[in-house]
Amino acid sequence: MDEKLAKKLRILADAAKYDASCSSSGAPKRKADVGGLGSTDGNGICHAYTPDGRCVSLLKILLTNYCLFDCAYCVNRRSSNVKRAKFSVDEVVTLTIEFYKRNYIEGLFLSSGIIRSPDHTMEQMLLVAKKLRRDHGFRGYIHLKTIPEASPWLIEEAGLWADRLSINLELPTEKSLERLAPEKDGASIESAMAQMFERIEEAREERRHFSPAGQTTQMIVGADETTDADVLRTSAKLYGHYDMKRVYYSAFSPIPDSSAILPLKSPPLMRESRLYQADWLLRYYGFDVDEIASGGEKGMLDLDVDPKLAWALINRHRFPIDVNRAEREMLLRVPGLGARAVDKIVVARKHTTLRLEDVARLTSGLKRAKPFLITVDHHPRARLDTLDLRERLIERPEQLSLFG
């Protein structure tokens, strides 16, 4: 790689690190045709090529970090004093192919600042995907971060070549967007999401290719006073209205020469972790936003305990439940029991009466589950009433799980 291209890569790979929504889960399995390049499987990937030389699975870069917009929270805003760079379409194509040949990557995650106009930027990103697919027979994963202000037909064409499209909502409320990114329009962002959702649904019904891995989005957390409850309400709406595959939460990070309206420090990293756990409860465990928020105070999640445990502690009157008789929906609300463990329990109890040691074999979270469960040899009623239950069940960060 020549020195000039390597310098661009260092700048534009580093500039892309703020975008968390680079998972490739959901992409269809493909293998290259004879003479083609690349492959992808259905396994989830969340990696990117970084400037420090680590070997990763997705080449995650910006087309450019020049931008017409001046969003207060963005390090690449037009008023920011950062080193700028811009790839040509052919340079991105070449990098992707060369990194693939060296077995560094399995695909491409491409985003961009806005240059000249939203349409021009979207057209350049679209050309990258089209050249990779059409001219080089590339069958690896491609994720394009689309520009909501771009013409609808450009976004639609992008879906013909990409595995996944995504549009960053950026901030969880219209009020936040007006204050921190006044040049962006929440209504136009949601309109683009709705358009994408309709096209994806039509393609599925007609069994044709259009962003087969769906769409994702990202929200910045901690750039203003928006509560966790409001963040989760926005996520619930996105999942319900647009069949969003994933909402990513990115903790605000202070940037050089930032606006006085921004916080001076990042929110606790645990806040981001709790939001992901709460998001899991929304999607897979049957909780609604108000139930999740009730475990904290003033709309903020409890940072000391995971949101499922927080809910269980304020709903002790609903526990303990009998592992051999309780409905699946209630078992899903037991701290320490993930969805897979619950399904195993439901199957196992059809054939035998479960004892505590049986549950221990089906879940690694027995310590948290034990006070909330009844088995034929275990009845913890007294332990639920103890004042120190919360303290006994608090786990260290390295023990936390999205699935418990």
Protein backbone atom coordinates (compact mmCIF):
# COMPACT_ATOMS: atom_id res chain seq x y z
CA MET A 1 0.00 0.00 0.00
CA ASP A 2 1.42 3.41 -0.92
CA GLU A 3 2.04 5.96 1.85
CA LYS A 4 -0.71 8.33 0.72
CA LEU A 5 -3.40 5.64 0.80
CA ALA A 6 -2.11 4.32 4.13
CA LYS A 7 -2.43 7.81 5.63
CA LYS A 8 -6.02 8.09 4.41
CA LEU A 9 -6.77 4.70 5.91
CA ARG A 10 -5.40 5.72 9.32
CA ILE A 11 -7.56 8.85 9.36
CA LEU A 12 -10.77 7.35 8.00
CA ALA A 13 -10.63 4.09 9.95
CA ASP A 14 -10.14 6.09 13.15
CA ALA A 15 -13.01 8.42 12.22
CA ALA A 16 -15.32 5.41 11.79
CA LYS A 17 -14.75 4.07 15.31
CA TYR A 18 -17.64 6.13 16.71
CA ASP A 19 -20.19 4.13 14.72
CA ALA A 20 -21.14 1.03 16.73
CA SER A 21 -23.66 -0.44 14.29
CA CYS A 22 -21.38 -2.74 12.32
CA SER A 23 -22.69 -6.21 13.14
CA SER A 24 -23.15 -8.48 10.14
CA SER A 25 -25.61 -10.87 11.76
CA GLY A 26 -28.53 -11.73 9.50
CA ALA A 27 -26.64 -11.72 6.24
CA PRO A 28 -27.51 -14.65 3.94
CA LYS A 29 -24.95 -17.39 3.31
CA ARG A 30 -23.14 -16.92 0.00
CA LYS A 31 -20.08 -18.21 -1.79
CA ALA A 32 -18.35 -16.55 -4.68
CA ASP A 33 -18.98 -17.76 -8.21
CA VAL A 34 -16.08 -19.11 -10.25
CA GLY A 35 -13.70 -16.21 -10.73
CA GLY A 36 -15.43 -14.16 -8.00
CA LEU A 37 -14.24 -13.10 -4.56
CA GLY A 38 -15.42 -13.36 -0.98
CA SER A 39 -17.94 -15.26 1.03
CA THR A 40 -20.16 -14.68 4.00
CA ASP A 41 -21.92 -16.96 6.45
CA GLY A 42 -24.77 -16.44 8.88
CA ASN A 43 -22.61 -16.00 11.97
CA GLY A 44 -22.66 -12.61 13.70
CA ILE A 45 -19.54 -10.47 13.29
CA CYS A 46 -18.79 -7.23 15.06
CA HIS A 47 -15.25 -6.29 14.11
CA ALA A 48 -13.48 -3.72 12.00
CA TYR A 49 -10.03 -2.96 10.63
CA THR A 50 -8.36 -0.47 12.96
CA PRO A 51 -5.30 1.75 12.51
CA ASP A 52 -3.25 -0.14 15.15
CA GLY A 53 -2.86 -3.12 12.80
CA ARG A 54 -5.24 -5.61 14.42
CA CYS A 55 -6.55 -8.24 12.02
CA VAL A 56 -10.34 -7.97 11.93
CA SER A 57 -13.32 -9.21 9.99
CA LEU A 58 -14.89 -6.05 8.56
CA LEU A 59 -13.12 -3.19 6.89
CA LYS A 60 -14.86 -0.35 8.74
CA ILE A 61 -14.12 3.06 7.24
CA LEU A 62 -15.62 6.38 6.21
CA LEU A 63 -15.61 7.38 2.57
CA THR A 64 -14.66 10.82 3.91
CA ASN A 65 -14.70 12.72 7.20
CA TYR A 66 -15.39 16.03 5.48
CA CYS A 67 -18.96 17.06 6.29
CA LEU A 68 -21.37 19.86 5.42
CA PHE A 69 -23.22 19.42 8.71
CA ASP A 70 -22.17 20.89 12.05
CA CYS A 71 -23.70 18.49 14.58
CA ALA A 72 -22.41 19.53 18.01
CA TYR A 73 -21.60 15.98 19.17
CA CYS A 74 -19.71 14.86 16.05
CA VAL A 75 -15.92 14.94 15.85
CA ASN A 76 -16.23 15.22 12.04
CA ARG A 77 -18.54 18.26 12.07
CA ARG A 78 -17.58 21.01 9.63
CA SER A 79 -16.26 23.30 12.39
CA SER A 80 -14.07 20.58 13.91
CA ASN A 81 -10.32 21.00 13.75
CA VAL A 82 -9.43 17.42 12.73
CA LYS A 83 -7.29 15.98 9.97
CA ARG A 84 -9.44 15.39 6.90
CA ALA A 85 -9.25 12.81 4.16
CA LYS A 86 -11.35 11.41 1.35
CA PHE A 87 -11.21 8.10 -0.47
CA SER A 88 -12.12 7.79 -4.11
CA VAL A 89 -14.59 5.06 -5.03
CA ASP A 90 -11.80 3.01 -6.63
CA GLU A 91 -9.60 3.34 -3.55
CA VAL A 92 -12.28 1.83 -1.31
CA VAL A 93 -12.86 -0.97 -3.80
CA THR A 94 -9.13 -1.66 -4.01
CA LEU A 95 -8.71 -1.68 -0.23
CA THR A 96 -11.61 -4.07 0.22
CA ILE A 97 -10.34 -6.50 -2.40
CA GLU A 98 -6.72 -6.35 -1.23
CA PHE A 99 -7.63 -6.87 2.44
CA TYR A 100 -9.87 -9.75 1.48
CA LYS A 101 -7.12 -11.42 -0.53
CA ARG A 102 -4.86 -11.17 2.53
CA ASN A 103 -7.57 -12.83 4.63
CA TYR A 104 -7.90 -9.75 6.85
CA ILE A 105 -11.63 -9.21 6.28
CA GLU A 106 -14.87 -10.83 5.26
CA GLY A 107 -16.68 -7.68 4.27
CA LEU A 108 -17.05 -3.91 4.29
CA PHE A 109 -18.78 -1.42 6.57
CA LEU A 110 -18.90 1.95 4.81
CA SER A 111 -20.16 5.24 6.21
CA SER A 112 -19.39 8.84 5.31
CA GLY A 113 -19.59 12.49 6.12
CA ILE A 114 -21.77 14.54 3.78
CA ILE A 115 -19.81 16.05 0.88
CA ARG A 116 -21.23 18.36 -1.80
CA SER A 117 -24.74 17.08 -1.16
CA PRO A 118 -26.53 14.07 0.37
CA ASP A 119 -27.24 12.73 -3.14
CA HIS A 120 -23.61 12.99 -4.23
CA THR A 121 -22.42 11.22 -1.07
CA MET A 122 -25.00 8.44 -1.37
CA GLU A 123 -24.14 7.98 -5.03
CA GLN A 124 -20.45 7.54 -4.23
CA MET A 125 -21.17 4.93 -1.55
CA LEU A 126 -23.55 3.15 -3.89
CA LEU A 127 -20.87 3.02 -6.58
CA VAL A 128 -18.48 1.30 -4.16
CA ALA A 129 -20.96 -1.51 -3.51
CA LYS A 130 -21.92 -1.79 -7.18
CA LYS A 131 -18.31 -2.02 -8.36
CA LEU A 132 -17.45 -4.63 -5.76
CA ARG A 133 -20.42 -6.80 -6.71
CA ARG A 134 -20.62 -6.25 -10.45
CA ASP A 135 -17.02 -5.66 -11.51
CA HIS A 136 -15.20 -7.91 -9.04
CA GLY A 137 -17.79 -10.58 -8.25
CA PHE A 138 -17.42 -9.82 -4.53
CA ARG A 139 -19.80 -11.96 -2.48
CA GLY A 140 -18.72 -10.87 0.98
CA TYR A 141 -20.80 -8.82 3.39
CA ILE A 142 -21.50 -5.14 2.61
CA HIS A 143 -23.12 -2.74 5.07
CA LEU A 144 -23.82 0.80 3.86
CA LYS A 145 -24.68 3.64 6.22
CA THR A 146 -27.24 5.49 4.15
CA ILE A 147 -27.94 9.22 4.02
CA PRO A 148 -31.59 9.96 4.97
CA GLU A 149 -31.62 13.27 3.08
CA ALA A 150 -30.61 11.52 -0.16
CA SER A 151 -33.10 10.81 -2.95
CA PRO A 152 -35.26 7.75 -2.21
CA TRP A 153 -34.29 6.04 -5.46
CA LEU A 154 -30.59 6.17 -4.48
CA ILE A 155 -31.34 4.49 -1.16
CA GLU A 156 -33.48 1.91 -2.95
CA GLU A 157 -30.69 1.12 -5.39
CA ALA A 158 -28.22 0.78 -2.51
CA GLY A 159 -30.39 -1.99 -1.10
CA LEU A 160 -29.92 -3.99 -4.30
CA TRP A 161 -26.18 -4.27 -3.68
CA ALA A 162 -25.82 -4.19 0.13
CA ASP A 163 -26.58 -6.87 2.71
CA ARG A 164 -27.64 -4.30 5.27
CA LEU A 165 -28.58 -0.64 5.19
CA SER A 166 -28.70 1.58 8.23
CA ILE A 167 -29.62 5.14 9.04
CA ASN A 168 -28.44 6.68 12.30
CA LEU A 169 -31.24 8.29 14.27
CA GLU A 170 -28.38 9.99 16.13
CA LEU A 171 -30.37 11.20 19.14
CA PRO A 172 -33.39 9.67 20.89
CA THR A 173 -35.76 12.66 20.83
CA GLU A 174 -36.74 15.37 18.37
CA LYS A 175 -35.91 17.95 21.06
CA SER A 176 -32.35 16.60 21.33
CA LEU A 177 -31.94 16.62 17.56
CA GLU A 178 -33.15 20.23 17.28
CA ARG A 179 -30.70 21.32 19.97
CA LEU A 180 -27.58 19.40 18.99
CA ALA A 181 -28.07 18.75 15.25
CA PRO A 182 -30.43 21.47 13.97
CA GLU A 183 -29.52 20.79 10.32
CA LYS A 184 -30.94 17.28 10.61
CA ASP A 185 -34.63 16.49 10.49
CA GLY A 186 -36.04 13.67 12.61
CA ALA A 187 -39.09 13.37 10.37
CA SER A 188 -36.97 12.83 7.25
CA ILE A 189 -34.86 10.22 9.07
CA GLU A 190 -37.94 8.25 10.10
CA SER A 191 -39.43 8.65 6.63
CA ALA A 192 -36.31 7.06 5.15
CA MET A 193 -36.55 4.23 7.71
CA ALA A 194 -40.18 3.66 6.76
CA GLN A 195 -39.30 3.58 3.06
CA MET A 196 -36.53 1.07 3.73
CA PHE A 197 -38.85 -1.11 5.83
CA GLU A 198 -41.45 -1.22 3.04
CA ARG A 199 -38.88 -2.17 0.41
CA ILE A 200 -37.36 -4.89 2.61
CA GLU A 201 -40.82 -6.37 3.26
CA GLU A 202 -41.72 -6.28 -0.45
CA ALA A 203 -38.43 -7.98 -1.37
CA ARG A 204 -39.02 -10.75 1.15
CA GLU A 205 -42.48 -11.43 -0.21
CA GLU A 206 -41.16 -11.46 -3.78
CA ARG A 207 -38.03 -13.43 -2.78
CA ARG A 208 -35.60 -10.98 -4.29
CA HIS A 209 -32.47 -9.29 -2.94
CA PHE A 210 -32.92 -6.02 -1.08
CA SER A 211 -30.93 -5.45 2.10
CA PRO A 212 -31.61 -9.04 3.22
CA ALA A 213 -30.03 -8.48 6.66
CA GLY A 214 -32.52 -5.68 7.34
CA GLN A 215 -31.77 -2.26 8.78
CA THR A 216 -30.18 -0.99 11.98
CA THR A 217 -29.71 2.37 13.65
CA GLN A 218 -27.67 4.02 16.36
CA MET A 219 -28.39 6.52 19.13
CA ILE A 220 -25.88 8.59 21.09
CA VAL A 221 -26.45 8.35 24.83
CA GLY A 222 -25.38 10.94 27.37
CA ALA A 223 -24.98 13.97 25.10
CA ASP A 224 -27.94 15.63 26.84
CA GLU A 225 -30.40 15.04 29.69
CA THR A 226 -32.57 12.46 27.88
CA THR A 227 -33.47 9.64 30.28
CA ASP A 228 -32.96 5.93 29.71
CA ALA A 229 -36.73 5.50 29.69
CA ASP A 230 -37.05 7.95 26.78
CA VAL A 231 -34.22 6.22 24.92
CA LEU A 232 -35.98 2.86 25.33
CA ARG A 233 -39.35 4.30 24.26
CA THR A 234 -37.73 5.46 21.04
CA SER A 235 -36.17 2.02 20.55
CA ALA A 236 -39.50 0.28 21.17
CA LYS A 237 -41.12 2.49 18.51
CA LEU A 238 -38.36 1.72 16.00
CA TYR A 239 -38.67 -2.03 16.60
CA GLY A 240 -42.44 -1.88 16.34
CA HIS A 241 -42.85 0.45 13.37
CA TYR A 242 -39.86 -0.38 11.17
CA ASP A 243 -38.86 -3.92 12.18
CA MET A 244 -35.44 -2.59 13.14
CA LYS A 245 -32.97 -5.48 13.47
CA ARG A 246 -30.91 -3.74 16.08
CA VAL A 247 -30.67 -0.41 17.85
CA TYR A 248 -27.11 0.38 18.90
CA TYR A 249 -26.31 2.63 21.84
CA SER A 250 -23.13 4.67 21.73
CA ALA A 251 -21.99 6.48 24.88
CA PHE A 252 -21.22 10.13 24.18
CA SER A 253 -17.50 10.83 24.08
CA PRO A 254 -16.18 14.37 24.62
CA ILE A 255 -14.55 15.76 21.51
CA PRO A 256 -11.88 18.45 20.95
CA ASP A 257 -13.08 22.06 20.84
CA SER A 258 -16.61 20.98 21.67
CA SER A 259 -19.64 23.19 22.11
CA ALA A 260 -20.45 24.57 25.55
CA ILE A 261 -23.85 22.84 25.39
CA LEU A 262 -22.20 19.41 25.57
CA PRO A 263 -21.24 17.58 28.79
CA LEU A 264 -17.61 17.78 29.85
CA LYS A 265 -17.33 14.03 30.40
CA SER A 266 -18.77 10.79 29.11
CA PRO A 267 -21.65 9.05 30.87
CA PRO A 268 -20.72 5.96 32.91
CA LEU A 269 -19.91 3.11 30.53
CA MET A 270 -22.21 0.94 32.62
CA ARG A 271 -25.12 3.04 31.36
CA GLU A 272 -24.49 1.83 27.82
CA SER A 273 -24.28 -1.75 29.08
CA ARG A 274 -27.58 -1.46 31.00
CA LEU A 275 -29.31 -0.07 27.91
CA TYR A 276 -28.21 -3.08 25.87
CA GLN A 277 -29.51 -5.40 28.59
CA ALA A 278 -32.80 -3.49 28.70
CA ASP A 279 -33.01 -3.63 24.91
CA TRP A 280 -32.68 -7.42 25.13
CA LEU A 281 -35.59 -7.51 27.59
CA LEU A 282 -37.71 -5.49 25.17
CA ARG A 283 -36.99 -7.76 22.22
CA TYR A 284 -36.82 -11.23 23.69
CA TYR A 285 -38.21 -11.33 27.22
CA GLY A 286 -41.65 -9.74 27.00
CA PHE A 287 -40.95 -6.62 29.08
CA ASP A 288 -42.32 -3.20 28.20
CA VAL A 289 -40.51 0.10 28.75
CA ASP A 290 -42.43 1.10 31.87
CA GLU A 291 -41.67 -2.22 33.54
CA ILE A 292 -37.98 -1.89 32.78
CA ALA A 293 -37.84 1.75 33.90
CA SER A 294 -39.62 0.95 37.16
CA GLY A 295 -36.47 -0.78 38.41
CA GLY A 296 -34.59 2.52 38.50
CA GLU A 297 -35.33 6.08 39.55
CA LYS A 298 -36.44 9.15 37.60
CA GLY A 299 -36.33 7.32 34.29
CA MET A 300 -32.74 6.12 34.69
CA LEU A 301 -31.74 2.45 34.90
CA ASP A 302 -30.07 1.16 38.04
CA LEU A 303 -26.33 1.01 37.35
CA ASP A 304 -25.64 -1.45 40.18
CA VAL A 305 -27.89 -4.30 39.06
CA ASP A 306 -29.08 -5.50 35.68
CA PRO A 307 -32.60 -4.37 34.67
CA LYS A 308 -34.21 -7.79 35.02
CA LEU A 309 -32.95 -8.19 38.57
CA ALA A 310 -33.96 -4.60 39.36
CA TRP A 311 -37.52 -5.38 38.21
CA ALA A 312 -37.64 -8.64 40.18
CA LEU A 313 -36.47 -6.92 43.38
CA ILE A 314 -39.36 -4.45 43.32
CA ASN A 315 -41.80 -7.21 42.38
CA ARG A 316 -40.85 -9.73 45.05
CA HIS A 317 -44.55 -10.38 45.68
CA ARG A 318 -44.66 -12.22 42.32
CA PHE A 319 -41.96 -14.66 43.42
CA PRO A 320 -40.87 -17.33 44.06
CA ILE A 321 -42.36 -19.29 41.17
CA ASP A 322 -42.47 -23.05 40.69
CA VAL A 323 -39.99 -24.06 37.99
CA ASN A 324 -42.10 -27.15 37.25
CA ARG A 325 -45.39 -25.30 36.76
CA ALA A 326 -44.80 -21.64 35.89
CA GLU A 327 -45.63 -20.29 32.44
CA ARG A 328 -42.70 -19.70 30.12
CA GLU A 329 -43.45 -15.95 30.13
CA MET A 330 -42.93 -15.80 33.88
CA LEU A 331 -39.83 -17.98 33.84
CA LEU A 332 -38.31 -15.47 31.41
CA ARG A 333 -38.60 -12.85 34.15
CA VAL A 334 -36.50 -14.80 36.63
CA PRO A 335 -33.03 -13.23 37.10
CA GLY A 336 -30.34 -15.61 35.98
CA LEU A 337 -32.50 -17.50 33.50
CA GLY A 338 -31.82 -16.71 29.87
CA ALA A 339 -34.21 -17.56 27.05
CA ARG A 340 -32.27 -20.70 26.11
CA ALA A 341 -32.23 -21.95 29.71
CA VAL A 342 -35.98 -21.35 29.98
CA ASP A 343 -36.64 -23.34 26.81
CA LYS A 344 -34.52 -26.19 28.15
CA ILE A 345 -36.46 -26.12 31.42
CA VAL A 346 -39.81 -26.21 29.60
CA VAL A 347 -38.70 -29.27 27.61
CA ALA A 348 -37.05 -31.07 30.55
CA ARG A 349 -40.00 -30.73 32.93
CA LYS A 350 -42.22 -32.61 30.49
CA HIS A 351 -40.21 -35.71 31.28
CA THR A 352 -39.25 -35.29 34.93
CA THR A 353 -39.85 -33.20 38.02
CA LEU A 354 -36.96 -30.76 38.23
CA ARG A 355 -34.84 -30.42 41.33
CA LEU A 356 -32.45 -27.57 42.11
CA GLU A 357 -29.48 -29.55 40.82
CA ASP A 358 -31.32 -30.06 37.53
CA VAL A 359 -31.79 -26.31 37.13
CA ALA A 360 -28.10 -25.82 37.91
CA ARG A 361 -27.23 -28.00 34.93
CA LEU A 362 -29.44 -25.90 32.64
CA THR A 363 -28.19 -22.43 33.57
CA SER A 364 -24.98 -20.79 34.72
CA GLY A 365 -27.03 -18.11 36.53
CA LEU A 366 -28.33 -20.23 39.41
CA LYS A 367 -26.96 -17.85 42.05
CA ARG A 368 -29.31 -15.08 40.87
CA ALA A 369 -32.19 -17.41 40.04
CA LYS A 370 -32.19 -19.40 43.29
CA PRO A 371 -34.04 -16.86 45.51
CA PHE A 372 -36.84 -16.55 42.92
CA LEU A 373 -37.48 -20.24 42.16
CA ILE A 374 -39.25 -23.15 43.80
CA THR A 375 -38.29 -26.74 43.07
CA VAL A 376 -39.36 -29.93 44.82
CA ASP A 377 -36.35 -29.62 47.13
CA HIS A 378 -36.06 -25.82 47.39
CA HIS A 379 -38.48 -23.17 48.73
CA PRO A 380 -36.85 -19.75 49.32
CA ARG A 381 -39.75 -17.63 50.62
CA ALA A 382 -37.88 -16.34 53.67
CA ARG A 383 -34.81 -15.40 51.65
CA LEU A 384 -36.85 -13.11 49.36
CA ASP A 385 -37.82 -10.98 52.35
CA THR A 386 -34.28 -10.37 53.54
CA LEU A 387 -33.07 -6.79 53.33
CA ASP A 388 -29.64 -7.74 52.02
CA LEU A 389 -30.92 -9.70 49.00
CA ARG A 390 -30.01 -6.93 46.57
CA GLU A 391 -26.47 -6.67 47.92
CA ARG A 392 -25.97 -10.41 47.81
CA LEU A 393 -27.01 -10.57 44.17
CA ILE A 394 -24.96 -7.64 42.83
CA GLU A 395 -22.40 -8.98 40.37
CA ARG A 396 -19.15 -7.53 39.17
CA PRO A 397 -19.06 -6.10 35.59
CA GLU A 398 -17.13 -9.04 34.17
CA GLN A 399 -19.96 -11.33 35.25
CA LEU A 400 -22.73 -9.40 33.52
CA SER A 401 -24.68 -11.03 30.72
CA LEU A 402 -27.27 -9.85 28.22
CA PHE A 403 -29.00 -13.19 28.51
CA GLY A 404 -29.65 -13.43 32.28
